[in-house]
């Protein structure tokens, strides 16, 4: 099963990964990171729907997303 991880402390909350995800499993977290942004995240219950396409990782301008297959 693919797994998506975010380096949330570096995420600036641009939302490009949310738009790029074909399964629409990425959302903004309810909390703020140290820079004051709501980072993108995937909840554990939605992680099972990830297809490992890496669209989110390719779209991220700050390279904060890692997709493991």
PDB file of N, CA and C in Angstrom:
ATOM      1  N   UNK A   1       0.846  -1.187   0.000  1.00  0.00           N
ATOM      2  CA  UNK A   1       0.000   0.000   0.000  1.00  0.00           C
ATOM      3  C   UNK A   1       0.887   1.244   0.000  1.00  0.00           C
ATOM      4  N   UNK A   2       0.658   2.191  -0.912  1.00  0.00           N
ATOM      5  CA  UNK A   2       1.430   3.433  -0.936  1.00  0.00           C
ATOM      6  C   UNK A   2       1.201   4.259   0.323  1.00  0.00           C
ATOM      7  N   UNK A   3       2.201   5.053   0.662  1.00  0.00           N
ATOM      8  CA  UNK A   3       2.101   5.904   1.848  1.00  0.00           C
ATOM      9  C   UNK A   3       2.639   7.284   1.502  1.00  0.00           C
ATOM     10  N   UNK A   4       1.861   8.317   1.818  1.00  0.00           N
ATOM     11  CA  UNK A   4       2.250   9.704   1.574  1.00  0.00           C
ATOM     12  C   UNK A   4       2.630  10.343   2.901  1.00  0.00           C
ATOM     13  N   UNK A   5       3.792  10.991   2.919  1.00  0.00           N
ATOM     14  CA  UNK A   5       4.207  11.721   4.118  1.00  0.00           C
ATOM     15  C   UNK A   5       4.555  13.150   3.724  1.00  0.00           C
ATOM     16  N   UNK A   6       4.291  14.053   4.630  1.00  0.00           N
ATOM     17  CA  UNK A   6       4.549  15.474   4.425  1.00  0.00           C
ATOM     18  C   UNK A   6       5.521  15.968   5.490  1.00  0.00           C
ATOM     19  N   UNK A   7       6.476  16.769   5.097  1.00  0.00           N
ATOM     20  CA  UNK A   7       7.308  17.467   6.079  1.00  0.00           C
ATOM     21  C   UNK A   7       6.534  18.737   6.413  1.00  0.00           C
ATOM     22  N   UNK A   8       5.596  18.571   7.325  1.00  0.00           N
ATOM     23  CA  UNK A   8       4.620  19.622   7.615  1.00  0.00           C
ATOM     24  C   UNK A   8       5.251  20.923   8.082  1.00  0.00           C
ATOM     25  N   UNK A   9       6.410  20.861   8.723  1.00  0.00           N
ATOM     26  CA  UNK A   9       7.053  22.083   9.205  1.00  0.00           C
ATOM     27  C   UNK A   9       7.532  22.963   8.044  1.00  0.00           C
ATOM     28  N   UNK A  10       7.671  22.390   6.834  1.00  0.00           N
ATOM     29  CA  UNK A  10       8.116  23.161   5.675  1.00  0.00           C
ATOM     30  C   UNK A  10       6.985  23.533   4.719  1.00  0.00           C
ATOM     31  N   UNK A  11       5.806  22.979   4.922  1.00  0.00           N
ATOM     32  CA  UNK A  11       4.664  23.232   4.034  1.00  0.00           C
ATOM     33  C   UNK A  11       4.162  24.655   4.214  1.00  0.00           C
ATOM     34  N   UNK A  12       3.951  25.341   3.079  1.00  0.00           N
ATOM     35  CA  UNK A  12       3.430  26.710   3.151  1.00  0.00           C
ATOM     36  C   UNK A  12       1.938  26.783   2.830  1.00  0.00           C
ATOM     37  N   UNK A  13       1.297  25.631   2.700  1.00  0.00           N
ATOM     38  CA  UNK A  13      -0.151  25.590   2.529  1.00  0.00           C
ATOM     39  C   UNK A  13      -0.652  26.146   1.213  1.00  0.00           C
ATOM     40  N   UNK A  14       0.087  25.943   0.134  1.00  0.00           N
ATOM     41  CA  UNK A  14      -0.328  26.496  -1.162  1.00  0.00           C
ATOM     42  C   UNK A  14      -1.525  25.745  -1.749  1.00  0.00           C
ATOM     43  N   UNK A  15      -1.690  24.460  -1.397  1.00  0.00           N
ATOM     44  CA  UNK A  15      -2.836  23.684  -1.857  1.00  0.00           C
ATOM     45  C   UNK A  15      -2.687  23.056  -3.232  1.00  0.00           C
ATOM     46  N   UNK A  16      -1.530  23.190  -3.867  1.00  0.00           N
ATOM     47  CA  UNK A  16      -1.351  22.606  -5.198  1.00  0.00           C
ATOM     48  C   UNK A  16      -1.462  21.080  -5.172  1.00  0.00           C
ATOM     49  N   UNK A  17      -1.004  20.470  -4.098  1.00  0.00           N
ATOM     50  CA  UNK A  17      -1.097  19.012  -3.984  1.00  0.00           C
ATOM     51  C   UNK A  17      -2.549  18.561  -3.848  1.00  0.00           C
ATOM     52  N   UNK A  18      -3.353  19.366  -3.190  1.00  0.00           N
ATOM     53  CA  UNK A  18      -4.771  19.035  -3.013  1.00  0.00           C
ATOM     54  C   UNK A  18      -5.466  19.001  -4.366  1.00  0.00           C
ATOM     55  N   UNK A  19      -5.158  19.976  -5.207  1.00  0.00           N
ATOM     56  CA  UNK A  19      -5.744  20.047  -6.548  1.00  0.00           C
ATOM     57  C   UNK A  19      -5.230  18.907  -7.426  1.00  0.00           C
ATOM     58  N   UNK A  20      -3.954  18.537  -7.268  1.00  0.00           N
ATOM     59  CA  UNK A  20      -3.330  17.525  -8.127  1.00  0.00           C
ATOM     60  C   UNK A  20      -3.755  16.103  -7.810  1.00  0.00           C
ATOM     61  N   UNK A  21      -4.230  15.844  -6.608  1.00  0.00           N
ATOM     62  CA  UNK A  21      -4.553  14.471  -6.197  1.00  0.00           C
ATOM     63  C   UNK A  21      -5.806  13.964  -6.914  1.00  0.00           C
ATOM     64  N   UNK A  22      -5.670  12.907  -7.736  1.00  0.00           N
ATOM     65  CA  UNK A  22      -6.848  12.400  -8.453  1.00  0.00           C
ATOM     66  C   UNK A  22      -7.858  11.712  -7.537  1.00  0.00           C
ATOM     67  N   UNK A  23      -7.438  11.255  -6.374  1.00  0.00           N
ATOM     68  CA  UNK A  23      -8.334  10.591  -5.429  1.00  0.00           C
ATOM     69  C   UNK A  23      -8.906  11.556  -4.378  1.00  0.00           C
ATOM     70  N   UNK A  24      -8.435  12.802  -4.378  1.00  0.00           N
ATOM     71  CA  UNK A  24      -8.923  13.835  -3.455  1.00  0.00           C
ATOM     72  C   UNK A  24      -8.814  13.412  -1.992  1.00  0.00           C
ATOM     73  N   UNK A  25      -7.656  12.858  -1.619  1.00  0.00           N
ATOM     74  CA  UNK A  25      -7.461  12.407  -0.240  1.00  0.00           C
ATOM     75  C   UNK A  25      -6.648  13.395   0.601  1.00  0.00           C
ATOM     76  N   UNK A  26      -6.090  14.418  -0.040  1.00  0.00           N
ATOM     77  CA  UNK A  26      -5.260  15.391   0.677  1.00  0.00           C
ATOM     78  C   UNK A  26      -6.129  16.566   1.108  1.00  0.00           C
ATOM     79  N   UNK A  27      -5.893  17.040   2.323  1.00  0.00           N
ATOM     80  CA  UNK A  27      -6.633  18.194   2.839  1.00  0.00           C
ATOM     81  C   UNK A  27      -5.696  19.012   3.724  1.00  0.00           C
ATOM     82  N   UNK A  28      -6.156  20.171   4.132  1.00  0.00           N
ATOM     83  CA  UNK A  28      -5.380  20.990   5.058  1.00  0.00           C
ATOM     84  C   UNK A  28      -5.613  20.499   6.483  1.00  0.00           C
ATOM     85  N   UNK A  29      -4.560  20.496   7.277  1.00  0.00           N
ATOM     86  CA  UNK A  29      -4.653  20.104   8.676  1.00  0.00           C
ATOM     87  C   UNK A  29      -5.400  21.179   9.466  1.00  0.00           C
ATOM     88  N   UNK A  30      -5.932  20.811  10.601  1.00  0.00           N
ATOM     89  CA  UNK A  30      -6.641  21.760  11.463  1.00  0.00           C
ATOM     90  C   UNK A  30      -5.682  22.603  12.301  1.00  0.00           C
ATOM     91  N   UNK A  31      -4.435  22.209  12.329  1.00  0.00           N
ATOM     92  CA  UNK A  31      -3.436  22.900  13.152  1.00  0.00           C
ATOM     93  C   UNK A  31      -2.521  23.760  12.278  1.00  0.00           C
ATOM     94  N   UNK A  32      -1.769  24.632  12.902  1.00  0.00           N
ATOM     95  CA  UNK A  32      -0.796  25.467  12.209  1.00  0.00           C
ATOM     96  C   UNK A  32       0.607  24.913  12.427  1.00  0.00           C
ATOM     97  N   UNK A  33       1.469  25.062  11.417  1.00  0.00           N
ATOM     98  CA  UNK A  33       2.861  24.671  11.614  1.00  0.00           C
ATOM     99  C   UNK A  33       3.624  25.848  12.229  1.00  0.00           C
ATOM    100  N   UNK A  34       4.906  25.699  12.428  1.00  0.00           N
ATOM    101  CA  UNK A  34       5.711  26.731  13.090  1.00  0.00           C
ATOM    102  C   UNK A  34       5.741  28.048  12.314  1.00  0.00           C
ATOM    103  N   UNK A  35       5.509  27.968  11.005  1.00  0.00           N
ATOM    104  CA  UNK A  35       5.520  29.184  10.177  1.00  0.00           C
ATOM    105  C   UNK A  35       4.144  29.859  10.123  1.00  0.00           C
ATOM    106  N   UNK A  36       3.150  29.235  10.744  1.00  0.00           N
ATOM    107  CA  UNK A  36       1.819  29.821  10.788  1.00  0.00           C
ATOM    108  C   UNK A  36       0.901  29.407   9.653  1.00  0.00           C
ATOM    109  N   UNK A  37       1.270  28.368   8.911  1.00  0.00           N
ATOM    110  CA  UNK A  37       0.450  27.868   7.812  1.00  0.00           C
ATOM    111  C   UNK A  37      -0.261  26.588   8.217  1.00  0.00           C
ATOM    112  N   UNK A  38      -1.401  26.340   7.598  1.00  0.00           N
ATOM    113  CA  UNK A  38      -2.070  25.053   7.761  1.00  0.00           C
ATOM    114  C   UNK A  38      -1.464  24.111   6.726  1.00  0.00           C
ATOM    115  N   UNK A  39      -0.701  23.121   7.171  1.00  0.00           N
ATOM    116  CA  UNK A  39      -0.047  22.228   6.214  1.00  0.00           C
ATOM    117  C   UNK A  39      -1.018  21.225   5.597  1.00  0.00           C
ATOM    118  N   UNK A  40      -0.656  20.747   4.428  1.00  0.00           N
ATOM    119  CA  UNK A  40      -1.423  19.693   3.779  1.00  0.00           C
ATOM    120  C   UNK A  40      -1.133  18.381   4.490  1.00  0.00           C
ATOM    121  N   UNK A  41      -2.107  17.490   4.476  1.00  0.00           N
ATOM    122  CA  UNK A  41      -1.945  16.207   5.144  1.00  0.00           C
ATOM    123  C   UNK A  41      -2.908  15.187   4.553  1.00  0.00           C
ATOM    124  N   UNK A  42      -2.648  13.925   4.849  1.00  0.00           N
ATOM    125  CA  UNK A  42      -3.572  12.836   4.510  1.00  0.00           C
ATOM    126  C   UNK A  42      -3.889  12.121   5.814  1.00  0.00           C
ATOM    127  N   UNK A  43      -5.149  12.023   6.143  1.00  0.00           N
ATOM    128  CA  UNK A  43      -5.532  11.321   7.368  1.00  0.00           C
ATOM    129  C   UNK A  43      -5.362   9.814   7.168  1.00  0.00           C
ATOM    130  N   UNK A  44      -5.178   9.110   8.262  1.00  0.00           N
ATOM    131  CA  UNK A  44      -4.954   7.660   8.205  1.00  0.00           C
ATOM    132  C   UNK A  44      -6.105   6.914   7.536  1.00  0.00           C
ATOM    133  N   UNK A  45      -7.332   7.367   7.755  1.00  0.00           N
ATOM    134  CA  UNK A  45      -8.472   6.668   7.152  1.00  0.00           C
ATOM    135  C   UNK A  45      -8.522   6.838   5.630  1.00  0.00           C
ATOM    136  N   UNK A  46      -7.944   7.928   5.115  1.00  0.00           N
ATOM    137  CA  UNK A  46      -7.922   8.142   3.667  1.00  0.00           C
ATOM    138  C   UNK A  46      -6.667   7.580   3.006  1.00  0.00           C
ATOM    139  N   UNK A  47      -5.648   7.260   3.795  1.00  0.00           N
ATOM    140  CA  UNK A  47      -4.392   6.766   3.249  1.00  0.00           C
ATOM    141  C   UNK A  47      -4.587   5.491   2.435  1.00  0.00           C
ATOM    142  N   UNK A  48      -5.559   4.683   2.810  1.00  0.00           N
ATOM    143  CA  UNK A  48      -5.815   3.426   2.092  1.00  0.00           C
ATOM    144  C   UNK A  48      -6.282   3.665   0.658  1.00  0.00           C
ATOM    145  N   UNK A  49      -6.776   4.860   0.367  1.00  0.00           N
ATOM    146  CA  UNK A  49      -7.248   5.188  -0.973  1.00  0.00           C
ATOM    147  C   UNK A  49      -6.147   5.704  -1.894  1.00  0.00           C
ATOM    148  N   UNK A  50      -4.945   5.919  -1.357  1.00  0.00           N
ATOM    149  CA  UNK A  50      -3.827   6.421  -2.157  1.00  0.00           C
ATOM    150  C   UNK A  50      -3.424   5.382  -3.195  1.00  0.00           C
ATOM    151  N   UNK A  51      -3.242   5.816  -4.445  1.00  0.00           N
ATOM    152  CA  UNK A  51      -2.847   4.908  -5.519  1.00  0.00           C
ATOM    153  C   UNK A  51      -1.357   5.029  -5.843  1.00  0.00           C
ATOM    154  N   UNK A  52      -0.631   5.911  -5.152  1.00  0.00           N
ATOM    155  CA  UNK A  52       0.804   6.048  -5.352  1.00  0.00           C
ATOM    156  C   UNK A  52       1.194   6.685  -6.666  1.00  0.00           C
ATOM    157  N   UNK A  53       0.365   7.544  -7.202  1.00  0.00           N
ATOM    158  CA  UNK A  53       0.629   8.154  -8.511  1.00  0.00           C
ATOM    159  C   UNK A  53       1.710   9.242  -8.465  1.00  0.00           C
ATOM    160  N   UNK A  54       2.008   9.766  -7.294  1.00  0.00           N
ATOM    161  CA  UNK A  54       3.041  10.778  -7.048  1.00  0.00           C
ATOM    162  C   UNK A  54       2.691  12.150  -7.661  1.00  0.00           C
ATOM    163  N   UNK A  55       1.452  12.353  -8.064  1.00  0.00           N
ATOM    164  CA  UNK A  55       1.048  13.652  -8.611  1.00  0.00           C
ATOM    165  C   UNK A  55       1.248  14.767  -7.593  1.00  0.00           C
ATOM    166  N   UNK A  56       0.962  14.482  -6.344  1.00  0.00           N
ATOM    167  CA  UNK A  56       1.121  15.489  -5.299  1.00  0.00           C
ATOM    168  C   UNK A  56       2.588  15.878  -5.125  1.00  0.00           C
ATOM    169  N   UNK A  57       3.468  14.897  -5.137  1.00  0.00           N
ATOM    170  CA  UNK A  57       4.891  15.151  -4.965  1.00  0.00           C
ATOM    171  C   UNK A  57       5.493  15.930  -6.118  1.00  0.00           C
ATOM    172  N   UNK A  58       5.052  15.637  -7.327  1.00  0.00           N
ATOM    173  CA  UNK A  58       5.554  16.370  -8.495  1.00  0.00           C
ATOM    174  C   UNK A  58       5.052  17.807  -8.506  1.00  0.00           C
ATOM    175  N   UNK A  59       3.874  18.035  -7.977  1.00  0.00           N
ATOM    176  CA  UNK A  59       3.278  19.365  -7.997  1.00  0.00           C
ATOM    177  C   UNK A  59       3.849  20.277  -6.913  1.00  0.00           C
ATOM    178  N   UNK A  60       4.347  19.715  -5.816  1.00  0.00           N
ATOM    179  CA  UNK A  60       4.797  20.508  -4.672  1.00  0.00           C
ATOM    180  C   UNK A  60       6.036  21.341  -5.016  1.00  0.00           C
ATOM    181  N   UNK A  61       5.935  22.672  -4.921  1.00  0.00           N
ATOM    182  CA  UNK A  61       7.083  23.520  -5.258  1.00  0.00           C
ATOM    183  C   UNK A  61       8.191  23.495  -4.201  1.00  0.00           C
ATOM    184  N   UNK A  62       7.882  22.997  -3.021  1.00  0.00           N
ATOM    185  CA  UNK A  62       8.867  22.990  -1.939  1.00  0.00           C
ATOM    186  C   UNK A  62       9.386  21.595  -1.595  1.00  0.00           C
ATOM    187  N   UNK A  63       8.975  20.586  -2.372  1.00  0.00           N
ATOM    188  CA  UNK A  63       9.453  19.205  -2.203  1.00  0.00           C
ATOM    189  C   UNK A  63       9.264  18.700  -0.770  1.00  0.00           C
ATOM    190  N   UNK A  64       8.091  18.925  -0.207  1.00  0.00           N
ATOM    191  CA  UNK A  64       7.826  18.486   1.164  1.00  0.00           C
ATOM    192  C   UNK A  64       7.085  17.154   1.214  1.00  0.00           C
ATOM    193  N   UNK A  65       6.757  16.578   0.047  1.00  0.00           N
ATOM    194  CA  UNK A  65       5.946  15.359  -0.007  1.00  0.00           C
ATOM    195  C   UNK A  65       6.800  14.180  -0.471  1.00  0.00           C
ATOM    196  N   UNK A  66       6.662  13.073   0.251  1.00  0.00           N
ATOM    197  CA  UNK A  66       7.321  11.825  -0.117  1.00  0.00           C
ATOM    198  C   UNK A  66       6.239  10.759  -0.283  1.00  0.00           C
ATOM    199  N   UNK A  67       6.309  10.041  -1.387  1.00  0.00           N
ATOM    200  CA  UNK A  67       5.375   8.949  -1.631  1.00  0.00           C
ATOM    201  C   UNK A  67       6.177   7.661  -1.664  1.00  0.00           C
ATOM    202  N   UNK A  68       5.846   6.745  -0.785  1.00  0.00           N
ATOM    203  CA  UNK A  68       6.496   5.442  -0.730  1.00  0.00           C
ATOM    204  C   UNK A  68       5.541   4.397  -1.274  1.00  0.00           C
ATOM    205  N   UNK A  69       6.061   3.568  -2.150  1.00  0.00           N
ATOM    206  CA  UNK A  69       5.218   2.517  -2.747  1.00  0.00           C
ATOM    207  C   UNK A  69       5.532   1.186  -2.140  1.00  0.00           C
TER     208      UNK A  69
END
